[in-house]
PDB file of N, CA and C in Angstrom:
ATOM      1  N   MET A   1     -15.055  -7.164  -9.657  1.00  0.00           N
ATOM      2  CA  MET A   1     -13.988  -7.008  -8.705  1.00  0.00           C
ATOM      3  C   MET A   1     -13.950  -5.553  -8.248  1.00  0.00           C
ATOM      4  N   ARG A   2     -13.556  -5.340  -7.024  1.00  0.00           N
ATOM      5  CA  ARG A   2     -13.498  -4.004  -6.449  1.00  0.00           C
ATOM      6  C   ARG A   2     -12.289  -3.223  -6.949  1.00  0.00           C
ATOM      7  N   THR A   3     -12.428  -1.892  -6.907  1.00  0.00           N
ATOM      8  CA  THR A   3     -11.333  -1.011  -7.279  1.00  0.00           C
ATOM      9  C   THR A   3     -10.535  -0.636  -6.037  1.00  0.00           C
ATOM     10  N   ILE A   4      -9.227  -0.759  -6.135  1.00  0.00           N
ATOM     11  CA  ILE A   4      -8.322  -0.456  -5.023  1.00  0.00           C
ATOM     12  C   ILE A   4      -7.418   0.690  -5.447  1.00  0.00           C
ATOM     13  N   HIS A   5      -7.333   1.707  -4.595  1.00  0.00           N
ATOM     14  CA  HIS A   5      -6.412   2.824  -4.811  1.00  0.00           C
ATOM     15  C   HIS A   5      -5.406   2.827  -3.676  1.00  0.00           C
ATOM     16  N   ILE A   6      -4.136   2.897  -4.024  1.00  0.00           N
ATOM     17  CA  ILE A   6      -3.056   2.933  -3.039  1.00  0.00           C
ATOM     18  C   ILE A   6      -2.371   4.289  -3.140  1.00  0.00           C
ATOM     19  N   PHE A   7      -2.350   5.013  -2.038  1.00  0.00           N
ATOM     20  CA  PHE A   7      -1.714   6.321  -1.972  1.00  0.00           C
ATOM     21  C   PHE A   7      -0.416   6.165  -1.184  1.00  0.00           C
ATOM     22  N   ASP A   8       0.700   6.137  -1.923  1.00  0.00           N
ATOM     23  CA  ASP A   8       2.025   5.914  -1.338  1.00  0.00           C
ATOM     24  C   ASP A   8       2.661   7.216  -0.892  1.00  0.00           C
ATOM     25  N   HIS A   9       3.594   7.101   0.046  1.00  0.00           N
ATOM     26  CA  HIS A   9       4.401   8.262   0.414  1.00  0.00           C
ATOM     27  C   HIS A   9       5.292   8.613  -0.778  1.00  0.00           C
ATOM     28  N   ALA A  10       6.071   9.661  -0.662  1.00  0.00           N
ATOM     29  CA  ALA A  10       6.924  10.096  -1.771  1.00  0.00           C
ATOM     30  C   ALA A  10       7.966   9.025  -2.081  1.00  0.00           C
ATOM     31  N   LEU A  11       7.916   8.500  -3.292  1.00  0.00           N
ATOM     32  CA  LEU A  11       8.851   7.470  -3.749  1.00  0.00           C
ATOM     33  C   LEU A  11       9.647   8.017  -4.924  1.00  0.00           C
ATOM     34  N   CYS A  12      10.800   7.425  -5.181  1.00  0.00           N
ATOM     35  CA  CYS A  12      11.656   7.891  -6.271  1.00  0.00           C
ATOM     36  C   CYS A  12      11.086   7.557  -7.648  1.00  0.00           C
ATOM     37  N   CYS A  13      10.222   6.551  -7.706  1.00  0.00           N
ATOM     38  CA  CYS A  13       9.589   6.160  -8.960  1.00  0.00           C
ATOM     39  C   CYS A  13       8.194   5.629  -8.636  1.00  0.00           C
ATOM     40  N   SER A  14       7.481   5.162  -9.619  1.00  0.00           N
ATOM     41  CA  SER A  14       6.089   4.767  -9.403  1.00  0.00           C
ATOM     42  C   SER A  14       5.919   3.619  -8.411  1.00  0.00           C
ATOM     43  N   THR A  15       6.914   2.741  -8.291  1.00  0.00           N
ATOM     44  CA  THR A  15       6.799   1.607  -7.373  1.00  0.00           C
ATOM     45  C   THR A  15       7.726   1.704  -6.169  1.00  0.00           C
ATOM     46  N   GLY A  16       8.736   2.561  -6.247  1.00  0.00           N
ATOM     47  CA  GLY A  16       9.731   2.637  -5.177  1.00  0.00           C
ATOM     48  C   GLY A  16      10.784   1.552  -5.272  1.00  0.00           C
ATOM     49  N   VAL A  17      10.679   0.710  -6.293  1.00  0.00           N
ATOM     50  CA  VAL A  17      11.622  -0.402  -6.463  1.00  0.00           C
ATOM     51  C   VAL A  17      12.686   0.041  -7.463  1.00  0.00           C
ATOM     52  N   CYS A  18      13.566   0.920  -6.979  1.00  0.00           N
ATOM     53  CA  CYS A  18      14.635   1.444  -7.821  1.00  0.00           C
ATOM     54  C   CYS A  18      15.750   1.945  -6.906  1.00  0.00           C
ATOM     55  N   GLY A  19      16.839   2.325  -7.499  1.00  0.00           N
ATOM     56  CA  GLY A  19      17.949   2.830  -6.707  1.00  0.00           C
ATOM     57  C   GLY A  19      18.849   1.714  -6.204  1.00  0.00           C
ATOM     58  N   VAL A  20      19.821   2.094  -5.388  1.00  0.00           N
ATOM     59  CA  VAL A  20      20.823   1.158  -4.899  1.00  0.00           C
ATOM     60  C   VAL A  20      20.287   0.319  -3.745  1.00  0.00           C
ATOM     61  N   GLU A  21      19.656   0.959  -2.781  1.00  0.00           N
ATOM     62  CA  GLU A  21      19.130   0.251  -1.614  1.00  0.00           C
ATOM     63  C   GLU A  21      17.604   0.192  -1.704  1.00  0.00           C
ATOM     64  N   VAL A  22      17.090  -0.941  -2.137  1.00  0.00           N
ATOM     65  CA  VAL A  22      15.657  -1.114  -2.341  1.00  0.00           C
ATOM     66  C   VAL A  22      15.028  -1.665  -1.070  1.00  0.00           C
ATOM     67  N   ASP A  23      13.930  -1.052  -0.651  1.00  0.00           N
ATOM     68  CA  ASP A  23      13.173  -1.513   0.514  1.00  0.00           C
ATOM     69  C   ASP A  23      12.474  -2.823   0.141  1.00  0.00           C
ATOM     70  N   GLN A  24      12.791  -3.895   0.840  1.00  0.00           N
ATOM     71  CA  GLN A  24      12.244  -5.211   0.529  1.00  0.00           C
ATOM     72  C   GLN A  24      10.713  -5.228   0.614  1.00  0.00           C
ATOM     73  N   GLU A  25      10.131  -4.445   1.509  1.00  0.00           N
ATOM     74  CA  GLU A  25       8.672  -4.386   1.614  1.00  0.00           C
ATOM     75  C   GLU A  25       8.057  -3.830   0.336  1.00  0.00           C
ATOM     76  N   LEU A  26       8.727  -2.865  -0.305  1.00  0.00           N
ATOM     77  CA  LEU A  26       8.224  -2.327  -1.568  1.00  0.00           C
ATOM     78  C   LEU A  26       8.330  -3.352  -2.692  1.00  0.00           C
ATOM     79  N   VAL A  27       9.370  -4.175  -2.655  1.00  0.00           N
ATOM     80  CA  VAL A  27       9.515  -5.249  -3.647  1.00  0.00           C
ATOM     81  C   VAL A  27       8.359  -6.232  -3.501  1.00  0.00           C
ATOM     82  N   ILE A  28       8.071  -6.623  -2.271  1.00  0.00           N
ATOM     83  CA  ILE A  28       6.968  -7.563  -2.014  1.00  0.00           C
ATOM     84  C   ILE A  28       5.639  -6.941  -2.426  1.00  0.00           C
ATOM     85  N   ALA A  29       5.431  -5.670  -2.076  1.00  0.00           N
ATOM     86  CA  ALA A  29       4.179  -4.994  -2.437  1.00  0.00           C
ATOM     87  C   ALA A  29       4.013  -4.935  -3.952  1.00  0.00           C
ATOM     88  N   ALA A  30       5.077  -4.588  -4.677  1.00  0.00           N
ATOM     89  CA  ALA A  30       5.003  -4.517  -6.136  1.00  0.00           C
ATOM     90  C   ALA A  30       4.664  -5.884  -6.731  1.00  0.00           C
ATOM     91  N   ALA A  31       5.269  -6.936  -6.191  1.00  0.00           N
ATOM     92  CA  ALA A  31       4.978  -8.290  -6.679  1.00  0.00           C
ATOM     93  C   ALA A  31       3.531  -8.677  -6.383  1.00  0.00           C
ATOM     94  N   ASP A  32       3.049  -8.364  -5.186  1.00  0.00           N
ATOM     95  CA  ASP A  32       1.666  -8.685  -4.819  1.00  0.00           C
ATOM     96  C   ASP A  32       0.668  -7.919  -5.681  1.00  0.00           C
ATOM     97  N   ILE A  33       0.956  -6.649  -5.931  1.00  0.00           N
ATOM     98  CA  ILE A  33       0.073  -5.831  -6.775  1.00  0.00           C
ATOM     99  C   ILE A  33       0.062  -6.376  -8.198  1.00  0.00           C
ATOM    100  N   GLY A  34       1.227  -6.741  -8.705  1.00  0.00           N
ATOM    101  CA  GLY A  34       1.298  -7.331 -10.044  1.00  0.00           C
ATOM    102  C   GLY A  34       0.493  -8.614 -10.137  1.00  0.00           C
ATOM    103  N   TRP A  35       0.612  -9.467  -9.115  1.00  0.00           N
ATOM    104  CA  TRP A  35      -0.150 -10.724  -9.095  1.00  0.00           C
ATOM    105  C   TRP A  35      -1.647 -10.437  -9.088  1.00  0.00           C
ATOM    106  N   ALA A  36      -2.075  -9.506  -8.252  1.00  0.00           N
ATOM    107  CA  ALA A  36      -3.498  -9.180  -8.156  1.00  0.00           C
ATOM    108  C   ALA A  36      -4.028  -8.636  -9.483  1.00  0.00           C
ATOM    109  N   LYS A  37      -3.252  -7.786 -10.141  1.00  0.00           N
ATOM    110  CA  LYS A  37      -3.674  -7.244 -11.436  1.00  0.00           C
ATOM    111  C   LYS A  37      -3.780  -8.347 -12.484  1.00  0.00           C
ATOM    112  N   ARG A  38      -2.812  -9.244 -12.494  1.00  0.00           N
ATOM    113  CA  ARG A  38      -2.859 -10.354 -13.462  1.00  0.00           C
ATOM    114  C   ARG A  38      -4.063 -11.259 -13.227  1.00  0.00           C
ATOM    115  N   ASN A  39      -4.591 -11.221 -12.010  1.00  0.00           N
ATOM    116  CA  ASN A  39      -5.739 -12.055 -11.673  1.00  0.00           C
ATOM    117  C   ASN A  39      -7.039 -11.260 -11.632  1.00  0.00           C
ATOM    118  N   GLY A  40      -7.050 -10.116 -12.307  1.00  0.00           N
ATOM    119  CA  GLY A  40      -8.285  -9.380 -12.518  1.00  0.00           C
ATOM    120  C   GLY A  40      -8.561  -8.199 -11.601  1.00  0.00           C
ATOM    121  N   ALA A  41      -7.694  -7.905 -10.658  1.00  0.00           N
ATOM    122  CA  ALA A  41      -7.933  -6.774  -9.752  1.00  0.00           C
ATOM    123  C   ALA A  41      -7.694  -5.453 -10.473  1.00  0.00           C
ATOM    124  N   THR A  42      -8.458  -4.458 -10.095  1.00  0.00           N
ATOM    125  CA  THR A  42      -8.269  -3.102 -10.595  1.00  0.00           C
ATOM    126  C   THR A  42      -7.577  -2.317  -9.496  1.00  0.00           C
ATOM    127  N   ILE A  43      -6.296  -2.024  -9.702  1.00  0.00           N
ATOM    128  CA  ILE A  43      -5.487  -1.350  -8.690  1.00  0.00           C
ATOM    129  C   ILE A  43      -4.775  -0.167  -9.335  1.00  0.00           C
ATOM    130  N   GLU A  44      -4.873   0.979  -8.668  1.00  0.00           N
ATOM    131  CA  GLU A  44      -4.134   2.165  -9.092  1.00  0.00           C
ATOM    132  C   GLU A  44      -3.286   2.638  -7.926  1.00  0.00           C
ATOM    133  N   ARG A  45      -2.032   2.977  -8.217  1.00  0.00           N
ATOM    134  CA  ARG A  45      -1.130   3.516  -7.199  1.00  0.00           C
ATOM    135  C   ARG A  45      -0.858   4.975  -7.504  1.00  0.00           C
ATOM    136  N   PHE A  46      -0.786   5.772  -6.441  1.00  0.00           N
ATOM    137  CA  PHE A  46      -0.481   7.184  -6.564  1.00  0.00           C
ATOM    138  C   PHE A  46       0.713   7.487  -5.672  1.00  0.00           C
ATOM    139  N   ASN A  47       1.678   8.203  -6.211  1.00  0.00           N
ATOM    140  CA  ASN A  47       2.919   8.526  -5.529  1.00  0.00           C
ATOM    141  C   ASN A  47       2.877  10.011  -5.154  1.00  0.00           C
ATOM    142  N   LEU A  48       3.034  10.317  -3.876  1.00  0.00           N
ATOM    143  CA  LEU A  48       2.943  11.692  -3.400  1.00  0.00           C
ATOM    144  C   LEU A  48       3.935  12.608  -4.114  1.00  0.00           C
ATOM    145  N   ALA A  49       5.125  12.116  -4.426  1.00  0.00           N
ATOM    146  CA  ALA A  49       6.142  12.941  -5.084  1.00  0.00           C
ATOM    147  C   ALA A  49       5.783  13.243  -6.538  1.00  0.00           C
ATOM    148  N   GLN A  50       5.141  12.294  -7.199  1.00  0.00           N
ATOM    149  CA  GLN A  50       4.888  12.436  -8.627  1.00  0.00           C
ATOM    150  C   GLN A  50       3.450  12.814  -8.962  1.00  0.00           C
ATOM    151  N   GLN A  51       2.509  12.561  -8.046  1.00  0.00           N
ATOM    152  CA  GLN A  51       1.094  12.824  -8.320  1.00  0.00           C
ATOM    153  C   GLN A  51       0.411  13.511  -7.132  1.00  0.00           C
ATOM    154  N   PRO A  52       0.929  14.636  -6.673  1.00  0.00           N
ATOM    155  CA  PRO A  52       0.343  15.284  -5.494  1.00  0.00           C
ATOM    156  C   PRO A  52      -1.109  15.696  -5.702  1.00  0.00           C
ATOM    157  N   GLY A  53      -1.492  15.963  -6.934  1.00  0.00           N
ATOM    158  CA  GLY A  53      -2.871  16.357  -7.218  1.00  0.00           C
ATOM    159  C   GLY A  53      -3.872  15.282  -6.848  1.00  0.00           C
ATOM    160  N   ALA A  54      -3.509  14.021  -7.048  1.00  0.00           N
ATOM    161  CA  ALA A  54      -4.417  12.918  -6.700  1.00  0.00           C
ATOM    162  C   ALA A  54      -4.700  12.906  -5.208  1.00  0.00           C
ATOM    163  N   PHE A  55      -3.729  13.295  -4.399  1.00  0.00           N
ATOM    164  CA  PHE A  55      -3.886  13.351  -2.943  1.00  0.00           C
ATOM    165  C   PHE A  55      -4.763  14.538  -2.559  1.00  0.00           C
ATOM    166  N   ALA A  56      -4.517  15.677  -3.187  1.00  0.00           N
ATOM    167  CA  ALA A  56      -5.244  16.904  -2.849  1.00  0.00           C
ATOM    168  C   ALA A  56      -6.693  16.863  -3.329  1.00  0.00           C
ATOM    169  N   GLU A  57      -6.951  16.191  -4.443  1.00  0.00           N
ATOM    170  CA  GLU A  57      -8.287  16.177  -5.038  1.00  0.00           C
ATOM    171  C   GLU A  57      -9.233  15.180  -4.377  1.00  0.00           C
ATOM    172  N   ASN A  58      -8.712  14.205  -3.672  1.00  0.00           N
ATOM    173  CA  ASN A  58      -9.553  13.183  -3.052  1.00  0.00           C
ATOM    174  C   ASN A  58      -9.849  13.604  -1.610  1.00  0.00           C
ATOM    175  N   PRO A  59     -11.121  13.880  -1.271  1.00  0.00           N
ATOM    176  CA  PRO A  59     -11.436  14.359   0.080  1.00  0.00           C
ATOM    177  C   PRO A  59     -11.095  13.367   1.186  1.00  0.00           C
ATOM    178  N   VAL A  60     -11.200  12.077   0.926  1.00  0.00           N
ATOM    179  CA  VAL A  60     -10.864  11.071   1.936  1.00  0.00           C
ATOM    180  C   VAL A  60      -9.367  11.109   2.217  1.00  0.00           C
ATOM    181  N   VAL A  61      -8.578  11.161   1.157  1.00  0.00           N
ATOM    182  CA  VAL A  61      -7.123  11.183   1.300  1.00  0.00           C
ATOM    183  C   VAL A  61      -6.675  12.493   1.930  1.00  0.00           C
ATOM    184  N   ARG A  62      -7.246  13.594   1.461  1.00  0.00           N
ATOM    185  CA  ARG A  62      -6.883  14.899   2.011  1.00  0.00           C
ATOM    186  C   ARG A  62      -7.173  14.954   3.513  1.00  0.00           C
ATOM    187  N   GLY A  63      -8.340  14.464   3.928  1.00  0.00           N
ATOM    188  CA  GLY A  63      -8.685  14.429   5.352  1.00  0.00           C
ATOM    189  C   GLY A  63      -7.745  13.546   6.150  1.00  0.00           C
ATOM    190  N   PHE A  64      -7.397  12.405   5.591  1.00  0.00           N
ATOM    191  CA  PHE A  64      -6.454  11.495   6.251  1.00  0.00           C
ATOM    192  C   PHE A  64      -5.112  12.193   6.482  1.00  0.00           C
ATOM    193  N   LEU A  65      -4.612  12.869   5.446  1.00  0.00           N
ATOM    194  CA  LEU A  65      -3.325  13.548   5.566  1.00  0.00           C
ATOM    195  C   LEU A  65      -3.387  14.695   6.568  1.00  0.00           C
ATOM    196  N   GLU A  66      -4.512  15.403   6.614  1.00  0.00           N
ATOM    197  CA  GLU A  66      -4.671  16.494   7.587  1.00  0.00           C
ATOM    198  C   GLU A  66      -4.654  15.963   9.014  1.00  0.00           C
ATOM    199  N   ARG A  67      -5.266  14.793   9.219  1.00  0.00           N
ATOM    200  CA  ARG A  67      -5.325  14.198  10.564  1.00  0.00           C
ATOM    201  C   ARG A  67      -4.041  13.478  10.945  1.00  0.00           C
ATOM    202  N   SER A  68      -3.478  12.738  10.009  1.00  0.00           N
ATOM    203  CA  SER A  68      -2.406  11.803  10.344  1.00  0.00           C
ATOM    204  C   SER A  68      -1.034  12.175   9.787  1.00  0.00           C
ATOM    205  N   GLY A  69      -0.987  13.019   8.783  1.00  0.00           N
ATOM    206  CA  GLY A  69       0.280  13.405   8.179  1.00  0.00           C
ATOM    207  C   GLY A  69       0.777  12.385   7.169  1.00  0.00           C
ATOM    208  N   HIS A  70       1.728  12.822   6.347  1.00  0.00           N
ATOM    209  CA  HIS A  70       2.213  11.952   5.272  1.00  0.00           C
ATOM    210  C   HIS A  70       3.056  10.792   5.782  1.00  0.00           C
ATOM    211  N   ASP A  71       3.532  10.854   7.034  1.00  0.00           N
ATOM    212  CA  ASP A  71       4.288   9.726   7.590  1.00  0.00           C
ATOM    213  C   ASP A  71       3.399   8.511   7.822  1.00  0.00           C
ATOM    214  N   SER A  72       2.078   8.703   7.780  1.00  0.00           N
ATOM    215  CA  SER A  72       1.140   7.594   7.992  1.00  0.00           C
ATOM    216  C   SER A  72       0.812   6.847   6.705  1.00  0.00           C
ATOM    217  N   LEU A  73       1.329   7.317   5.579  1.00  0.00           N
ATOM    218  CA  LEU A  73       1.092   6.632   4.312  1.00  0.00           C
ATOM    219  C   LEU A  73       1.866   5.321   4.289  1.00  0.00           C
ATOM    220  N   PRO A  74       1.474   4.329   3.551  1.00  0.00           N
ATOM    221  CA  PRO A  74       0.467   4.367   2.503  1.00  0.00           C
ATOM    222  C   PRO A  74      -0.958   4.289   3.053  1.00  0.00           C
ATOM    223  N   LEU A  75      -1.869   4.824   2.277  1.00  0.00           N
ATOM    224  CA  LEU A  75      -3.302   4.744   2.552  1.00  0.00           C
ATOM    225  C   LEU A  75      -3.921   3.919   1.436  1.00  0.00           C
ATOM    226  N   ILE A  76      -4.777   2.991   1.803  1.00  0.00           N
ATOM    227  CA  ILE A  76      -5.418   2.122   0.818  1.00  0.00           C
ATOM    228  C   ILE A  76      -6.918   2.352   0.882  1.00  0.00           C
ATOM    229  N   LEU A  77      -7.503   2.622  -0.281  1.00  0.00           N
ATOM    230  CA  LEU A  77      -8.947   2.774  -0.391  1.00  0.00           C
ATOM    231  C   LEU A  77      -9.492   1.638  -1.242  1.00  0.00           C
ATOM    232  N   VAL A  78     -10.555   1.018  -0.763  1.00  0.00           N
ATOM    233  CA  VAL A  78     -11.273  -0.002  -1.529  1.00  0.00           C
ATOM    234  C   VAL A  78     -12.661   0.561  -1.762  1.00  0.00           C
ATOM    235  N   GLU A  79     -12.984   0.769  -3.033  1.00  0.00           N
ATOM    236  CA  GLU A  79     -14.256   1.395  -3.396  1.00  0.00           C
ATOM    237  C   GLU A  79     -14.445   2.719  -2.656  1.00  0.00           C
ATOM    238  N   GLY A  80     -13.348   3.471  -2.488  1.00  0.00           N
ATOM    239  CA  GLY A  80     -13.402   4.785  -1.868  1.00  0.00           C
ATOM    240  C   GLY A  80     -13.389   4.795  -0.351  1.00  0.00           C
ATOM    241  N   GLN A  81     -13.372   3.636   0.272  1.00  0.00           N
ATOM    242  CA  GLN A  81     -13.372   3.538   1.729  1.00  0.00           C
ATOM    243  C   GLN A  81     -11.994   3.102   2.222  1.00  0.00           C
ATOM    244  N   VAL A  82     -11.562   3.669   3.346  1.00  0.00           N
ATOM    245  CA  VAL A  82     -10.264   3.325   3.920  1.00  0.00           C
ATOM    246  C   VAL A  82     -10.246   1.854   4.316  1.00  0.00           C
ATOM    247  N   ALA A  83      -9.183   1.178   3.917  1.00  0.00           N
ATOM    248  CA  ALA A  83      -9.003  -0.238   4.263  1.00  0.00           C
ATOM    249  C   ALA A  83      -7.689  -0.385   5.008  1.00  0.00           C
ATOM    250  N   GLU A  84      -7.641  -1.321   5.922  1.00  0.00           N
ATOM    251  CA  GLU A  84      -6.412  -1.595   6.669  1.00  0.00           C
ATOM    252  C   GLU A  84      -5.842  -2.921   6.236  1.00  0.00           C
ATOM    253  N   LEU A  85      -4.532  -2.935   6.082  1.00  0.00           N
ATOM    254  CA  LEU A  85      -3.847  -4.195   5.830  1.00  0.00           C
ATOM    255  C   LEU A  85      -3.377  -4.733   7.165  1.00  0.00           C
ATOM    256  N   THR A  86      -3.644  -5.983   7.401  1.00  0.00           N
ATOM    257  CA  THR A  86      -3.189  -6.605   8.638  1.00  0.00           C
ATOM    258  C   THR A  86      -2.514  -7.919   8.303  1.00  0.00           C
ATOM    259  N   GLN A  87      -1.631  -8.332   9.172  1.00  0.00           N
ATOM    260  CA  GLN A  87      -0.999  -9.626   8.996  1.00  0.00           C
ATOM    261  C   GLN A  87      -1.888 -10.667   9.654  1.00  0.00           C
ATOM    262  N   PRO A  88      -1.995 -11.836   9.047  1.00  0.00           N
ATOM    263  CA  PRO A  88      -2.815 -12.876   9.658  1.00  0.00           C
ATOM    264  C   PRO A  88      -2.235 -13.320  10.999  1.00  0.00           C
ATOM    265  N   ALA A  89      -3.123 -13.716  11.895  1.00  0.00           N
ATOM    266  CA  ALA A  89      -2.684 -14.223  13.201  1.00  0.00           C
ATOM    267  C   ALA A  89      -1.992 -15.565  13.008  1.00  0.00           C
ATOM    268  N   PRO A  90      -1.025 -15.897  13.858  1.00  0.00           N
ATOM    269  CA  PRO A  90      -0.366 -17.196  13.743  1.00  0.00           C
ATOM    270  C   PRO A  90      -1.382 -18.335  13.939  1.00  0.00           C
ATOM    271  N   ALA A  91      -1.093 -19.429  13.316  1.00  0.00           N
ATOM    272  CA  ALA A  91      -1.968 -20.603  13.451  1.00  0.00           C
ATOM    273  C   ALA A  91      -1.996 -21.061  14.901  1.00  0.00           C
ATOM    274  N   ALA A  92      -3.121 -21.588  15.319  1.00  0.00           N
ATOM    275  CA  ALA A  92      -3.253 -22.102  16.695  1.00  0.00           C
ATOM    276  C   ALA A  92      -2.199 -23.152  16.955  1.00  0.00           C
ATOM    277  N   GLY A  93      -1.576 -23.065  18.111  1.00  0.00           N
ATOM    278  CA  GLY A  93      -0.576 -24.054  18.484  1.00  0.00           C
ATOM    279  C   GLY A  93       0.820 -23.747  17.981  1.00  0.00           C
ATOM    280  N   CYS A  94       0.989 -22.644  17.269  1.00  0.00           N
ATOM    281  CA  CYS A  94       2.309 -22.307  16.737  1.00  0.00           C
ATOM    282  C   CYS A  94       3.143 -21.644  17.830  1.00  0.00           C
ATOM    283  N   CYS A  95       4.381 -22.043  17.921  1.00  0.00           N
ATOM    284  CA  CYS A  95       5.280 -21.501  18.945  1.00  0.00           C
ATOM    285  C   CYS A  95       5.868 -20.169  18.551  1.00  0.00           C
ATOM    286  N   GLY A  96       5.748 -19.795  17.285  1.00  0.00           N
ATOM    287  CA  GLY A  96       6.352 -18.557  16.808  1.00  0.00           C
ATOM    288  C   GLY A  96       7.779 -18.785  16.389  1.00  0.00           C
ATOM    289  N   GLY A  97       8.437 -17.692  16.043  1.00  0.00           N
ATOM    290  CA  GLY A  97       9.810 -17.822  15.595  1.00  0.00           C
ATOM    291  C   GLY A  97       9.888 -18.455  14.230  1.00  0.00           C
ATOM    292  N   SER A  98      10.982 -19.141  13.963  1.00  0.00           N
ATOM    293  CA  SER A  98      11.210 -19.689  12.632  1.00  0.00           C
ATOM    294  C   SER A  98      10.630 -21.077  12.430  1.00  0.00           C
ATOM    295  N   LYS A  99      10.180 -21.727  13.478  1.00  0.00           N
ATOM    296  CA  LYS A  99       9.588 -23.051  13.299  1.00  0.00           C
ATOM    297  C   LYS A  99       8.467 -23.261  14.310  1.00  0.00           C
ATOM    298  N   CYS A 100       7.569 -24.143  13.989  1.00  0.00           N
ATOM    299  CA  CYS A 100       6.447 -24.436  14.878  1.00  0.00           C
ATOM    300  C   CYS A 100       6.684 -25.750  15.628  1.00  0.00           C
ATOM    301  N   CYS A 101       5.938 -25.910  16.682  1.00  0.00           N
ATOM    302  CA  CYS A 101       6.061 -27.131  17.504  1.00  0.00           C
ATOM    303  C   CYS A 101       5.457 -28.315  16.797  1.00  0.00           C
TER     304      CYS A 101
END
């Protein structure tokens, strides 16, 4: 299985799932990462607030931050290469919204 590194923006804790107002996207991401790990994936997360050295020491990440800034995080590397997360396209014939035709 491939190694995945996730470089998160500055979070209050390692997952960002803490505090009074939790970002639902971070909850979903934490659950997805947990599922992937339980199924054999090798995933490491790095938090800019808690592990700035990991960002500075990785030339790919450092270059990304120089070009795009920390507002562009998270950055995901698969085997050291930048990967993009995309949402799947809607199924053919779907009307969109909350229900399909």
